[in-house]
Protein backbone atom coordinates (compact mmCIF):
# COMPACT_ATOMS: atom_id res chain seq x y z
CA MET A 1 -7.19 67.41 -110.73
CA LEU A 2 -3.97 69.42 -110.73
CA ARG A 3 -5.49 71.89 -108.31
CA LEU A 4 -6.51 69.08 -105.94
CA LEU A 5 -3.02 67.58 -106.09
CA SER A 6 -1.46 70.95 -105.32
CA LEU A 7 -3.78 71.37 -102.36
CA CYS A 8 -2.84 67.94 -100.99
CA LEU A 9 0.86 68.69 -101.32
CA ALA A 10 0.39 72.01 -99.55
CA VAL A 11 -1.44 70.32 -96.66
CA MET A 12 1.29 67.67 -96.36
CA ALA A 13 3.97 70.35 -96.32
CA LEU A 14 2.10 72.26 -93.61
CA LEU A 15 1.73 69.15 -91.46
CA SER A 16 5.37 68.19 -91.87
CA ALA A 17 6.41 71.65 -90.71
CA CYS A 18 4.66 71.00 -87.41
CA GLY A 19 7.09 68.23 -86.47
CA PRO A 20 6.48 64.62 -85.39
CA VAL A 21 3.02 63.40 -84.44
CA TYR A 22 2.70 61.22 -81.34
CA GLU A 23 0.02 59.06 -79.80
CA THR A 24 -0.14 57.10 -76.58
CA GLN A 25 -0.45 53.33 -76.94
CA TYR A 26 -1.33 51.03 -74.05
CA SER A 27 -0.33 47.49 -73.11
CA LEU A 28 -2.51 45.66 -70.61
CA VAL A 29 -1.16 42.97 -68.28
CA PRO A 30 -4.09 41.02 -66.77
CA PRO A 31 -4.29 40.36 -63.02
CA SER A 32 -3.10 36.98 -61.77
CA SER A 33 -5.98 36.26 -59.41
CA ALA A 34 -9.27 34.62 -60.42
CA GLU A 35 -11.21 37.48 -58.85
CA GLY A 36 -9.21 39.96 -60.89
CA ARG A 37 -9.94 38.13 -64.14
CA LEU A 38 -13.66 38.06 -63.34
CA CYS A 39 -13.43 41.78 -62.67
CA VAL A 40 -11.80 42.30 -66.09
CA ASN A 41 -14.67 40.42 -67.74
CA GLN A 42 -17.09 42.84 -66.14
CA CYS A 43 -14.97 45.75 -67.35
CA GLN A 44 -15.14 44.36 -70.89
CA GLN A 45 -18.92 44.08 -70.70
CA ASN A 46 -19.14 47.69 -69.53
CA ARG A 47 -16.92 48.77 -72.41
CA ASN A 48 -19.08 46.92 -74.95
CA TYR A 49 -22.18 48.56 -73.51
CA CYS A 50 -20.46 51.95 -73.68
CA ARG A 51 -19.54 51.38 -77.34
CA GLN A 52 -23.11 50.41 -78.16
CA ASN A 53 -24.33 53.64 -76.59
CA CYS A 54 -21.79 55.57 -78.68
CA GLY A 55 -23.09 53.91 -81.84
CA MET A 56 -26.71 54.62 -80.98
CA SER A 57 -25.93 58.23 -80.11
CA GLN A 58 -24.10 58.68 -83.40
CA GLN A 59 -26.98 57.18 -85.39
CA ALA A 60 -29.49 59.39 -83.59
CA CYS A 61 -27.32 62.41 -84.41
CA VAL A 62 -27.18 61.41 -88.10
CA ASN A 63 -30.94 60.90 -88.29
CA GLU A 64 -31.59 64.27 -86.68
CA ALA A 65 -29.10 66.02 -88.98
CA ARG A 66 -30.68 64.52 -92.10
CA SER A 67 -34.19 65.40 -90.96
CA ARG A 68 -33.05 68.97 -90.36
CA ALA A 69 -31.40 69.00 -93.80
CA LEU A 70 -34.70 68.01 -95.45
CA TYR A 71 -36.53 70.72 -93.53
CA GLU A 72 -33.99 73.40 -94.44
CA TYR A 73 -33.90 72.26 -98.07
CA GLN A 74 -37.69 72.45 -98.37
CA ALA A 75 -37.66 75.92 -96.84
CA TYR A 76 -34.99 76.92 -99.36
CA VAL A 77 -37.04 75.55 -102.27
CA ASN A 78 -40.14 77.39 -101.11
CA ARG A 79 -38.22 80.61 -100.78
CA GLN A 80 -36.62 80.29 -104.20
CA GLN A 81 -39.94 79.49 -105.86
CA ALA A 82 -41.63 82.41 -104.14
CA GLU A 83 -38.93 84.73 -105.40
CA LYS A 84 -38.91 83.00 -108.82
CA LYS A 85 -35.24 82.14 -108.55
CA PRO A 86 -33.55 78.95 -109.77
CA ILE A 87 -33.00 76.08 -107.36
CA LYS A 88 -29.25 75.45 -107.39
CA LYS A 89 -28.81 73.56 -104.12
CA SER A 90 -29.63 69.98 -103.17
CA VAL A 91 -30.43 68.27 -99.88
CA GLY A 92 -26.78 67.37 -99.52
CA ASP A 93 -25.84 71.04 -99.24
CA PHE A 94 -27.80 71.19 -95.99
CA ASP A 95 -26.68 67.83 -94.59
CA ARG A 96 -24.33 68.24 -91.62
CA SER A 97 -24.32 64.63 -90.47
CA TYR A 98 -20.54 64.61 -91.02
CA SER A 99 -20.23 66.29 -87.63
CA CYS A 100 -21.75 63.27 -85.86
CA GLY A 101 -18.47 61.53 -85.10
CA ASN A 102 -18.13 59.23 -82.10
CA SER A 103 -14.35 59.09 -81.73
CA SER A 104 -14.38 61.10 -78.49
CA CYS A 105 -17.16 58.90 -77.10
CA GLU A 106 -15.26 55.70 -77.89
CA ALA A 107 -12.06 57.21 -76.49
CA ARG A 108 -13.91 57.75 -73.20
CA CYS A 109 -15.05 54.10 -73.26
CA GLU A 110 -11.43 52.99 -73.64
CA SER A 111 -10.27 55.35 -70.89
CA ASP A 112 -12.90 54.02 -68.48
CA TYR A 113 -11.95 50.46 -69.40
CA ARG A 114 -8.28 51.08 -68.60
CA ASP A 115 -9.23 52.70 -65.28
CA CYS A 116 -11.39 49.68 -64.45
CA PHE A 117 -8.70 47.23 -65.61
CA GLY A 118 -5.86 48.82 -63.66
CA GLY A 119 -7.66 50.58 -60.82
CA SER A 120 -10.41 48.16 -59.80
CA CYS A 121 -9.20 44.78 -61.02
CA GLY A 122 -5.52 44.95 -60.14
CA GLY A 123 -4.22 44.69 -63.70
CA GLN A 124 -1.28 46.64 -65.05
CA VAL A 125 -1.69 49.37 -67.66
CA ILE A 126 1.55 50.33 -69.43
CA ALA A 127 1.45 53.56 -71.46
CA LYS A 128 3.96 54.22 -74.23
CA ARG A 129 4.27 57.37 -76.33
CA VAL A 130 4.83 56.41 -79.96
CA CYS A 131 5.61 58.54 -83.00
CA THR A 132 3.06 57.90 -85.78
CA ALA A 133 3.90 60.50 -88.46
CA PHE A 134 6.87 62.61 -89.61
CA CYS A 135 9.12 60.60 -87.32
CA ASP A 136 12.21 61.55 -89.30
CA GLN A 137 12.00 64.95 -87.59
CA GLU A 138 12.03 63.41 -84.14
CA LYS A 139 14.77 64.79 -81.96
CA PRO A 140 16.96 62.28 -80.15
CA ALA A 141 16.54 62.13 -76.42
CA PRO A 142 19.26 64.05 -74.54
CA ALA A 143 21.95 61.92 -72.98
CA ALA A 144 21.80 61.43 -69.25
CA PRO A 145 24.35 63.58 -67.38
CA MET A 146 27.45 61.82 -66.12
CA LEU A 147 27.79 61.70 -62.36
CA SER A 148 31.22 62.28 -60.95
CA PRO A 149 32.34 59.72 -58.40
CA VAL A 150 32.68 60.85 -54.82
CA PRO A 151 36.37 61.56 -54.18
CA PRO A 152 38.06 59.75 -51.34
CA GLY A 153 37.25 61.51 -48.12
CA GLY A 154 34.70 63.69 -49.91
CA VAL A 155 31.11 64.22 -48.87
CA GLN A 156 28.32 63.07 -51.19
CA ALA A 157 25.69 65.69 -51.95
CA PRO A 158 22.41 65.10 -50.13
CA MET A 159 19.53 63.64 -52.11
CA MET A 160 16.82 66.04 -53.23
CA GLN A 161 13.66 65.94 -51.20
CA ALA A 162 10.17 67.05 -52.07
CA PRO A 163 9.17 70.48 -50.72
CA THR A 164 7.38 70.55 -47.40
CA GLY A 165 3.68 69.99 -47.91
CA ALA A 166 4.08 68.50 -51.41
CA ALA A 167 2.50 65.20 -52.31
CA PRO A 168 4.81 62.18 -51.89
CA MET A 169 6.48 60.97 -55.06
CA SER A 170 6.60 57.39 -56.27
CA ASN A 171 9.66 55.48 -57.42
CA ASN A 172 8.98 56.28 -61.10
CA GLY A 173 9.00 60.04 -60.50
CA GLY A 174 5.22 60.52 -60.40
CA TYR A 175 3.07 61.47 -57.47
CA ALA A 176 1.83 58.58 -55.41
CA ALA A 177 -1.89 57.98 -55.90
CA GLY A 178 -3.37 58.84 -52.52
CA SER A 179 -6.89 59.67 -51.49
CA SER A 180 -5.52 62.88 -49.94
CA LEU A 181 -5.61 64.40 -53.43
CA CYS A 182 -9.24 63.42 -53.97
CA GLN A 183 -10.96 65.96 -51.73
CA PRO A 184 -13.95 68.08 -52.84
CA GLY A 185 -12.83 71.43 -54.23
CA MET A 186 -9.14 70.48 -54.54
CA ARG A 187 -7.45 71.86 -57.67
CA VAL A 188 -5.47 69.13 -59.41
CA SER A 189 -4.07 68.12 -62.79
CA VAL A 190 -5.53 65.04 -64.48
CA GLU A 191 -3.75 62.89 -67.08
CA TRP A 192 -5.67 62.03 -70.25
CA LYS A 193 -3.99 60.27 -73.21
CA GLY A 194 -0.52 61.42 -72.15
CA ASP A 195 -1.38 65.09 -71.46
CA TRP A 196 -2.25 66.85 -68.21
CA TYR A 197 -5.32 69.08 -67.84
CA PRO A 198 -6.36 71.40 -64.96
CA ALA A 199 -9.34 70.04 -63.06
CA THR A 200 -11.25 70.35 -59.80
CA VAL A 201 -12.27 67.43 -57.59
CA LYS A 202 -16.06 67.20 -57.30
CA ASP A 203 -16.49 64.69 -54.46
CA HIS A 204 -14.81 62.07 -52.30
CA PRO A 205 -13.48 58.87 -53.92
CA ARG A 206 -16.09 56.43 -55.20
CA LYS A 207 -16.45 52.90 -53.88
CA ASP A 208 -14.30 51.60 -56.76
CA GLY A 209 -11.50 53.98 -55.73
CA ARG A 210 -11.86 56.42 -58.62
CA CYS A 211 -12.05 60.17 -58.09
CA PRO A 212 -14.83 62.30 -59.67
CA VAL A 213 -13.38 65.42 -61.35
CA HIS A 214 -14.48 68.36 -63.48
CA TYR A 215 -12.11 69.64 -66.19
CA ASP A 216 -11.77 73.40 -65.71
CA ASP A 217 -11.63 74.19 -69.44
CA PHE A 218 -14.50 71.92 -70.50
CA GLY A 219 -18.22 71.56 -69.88
CA SER A 220 -19.89 69.31 -67.33
CA GLU A 221 -20.59 66.70 -70.03
CA ASP A 222 -16.86 65.84 -69.94
CA ASP A 223 -16.80 65.22 -66.18
CA GLU A 224 -15.54 61.76 -65.28
CA SER A 225 -14.20 59.60 -62.47
CA VAL A 226 -10.52 58.76 -62.87
CA ALA A 227 -8.03 56.46 -61.21
CA LEU A 228 -6.00 58.11 -58.48
CA ARG A 229 -2.78 57.38 -60.37
CA ARG A 230 -3.97 59.90 -63.02
CA ILE A 231 -4.10 62.76 -60.51
CA ARG A 232 -1.31 65.04 -59.36
CA PRO A 233 -1.35 68.36 -57.47
CA ARG A 234 -0.89 71.69 -59.22
């Protein structure tokens, strides 16, 4: 018991040394039109269907893992008996069903739902980065720099402009979501849960306005179609 407690304290100390832990939380503002609300209902049905598929996939994974565990355990028993050695392991030692999590699958369902809600239905998706652990180590945001007033008769410095050829920027500092970024073969960055990942556009925008992309550092099973507001050039 003492050893387990020491291990837990060591893990907590290690995690606390890593600094605050953040997650992105979303607030959804529904569209005002009747057509938009009907569209949201369809998005919700698609999300429920996606979650059901996640659950069925997880259960199939668990069943397969347990069947494999029985097979490997029986092979182990036969081998031990043939060599006249004691049987010290149980079926549980071969069971790897713990790896059949569906959190990433459900996260994709939620991501697709937000894209449908905000991209196809006209709703508003508001993302907020929130500290969830070790928040006492959170550093305060730096104060905004003070701007000196323009002296009488002085000339105000010109406003900064985007470089020639760069994508236009929106009022909130992000790149405007334009179909010019969604061209086959274009190398872009895609936002997912508050972080940006390098990706390559696979095809032209879909009928619902979303852009099909492939994440450069992941396999084809993670390919998805994302809202244009989640794409920026790199």
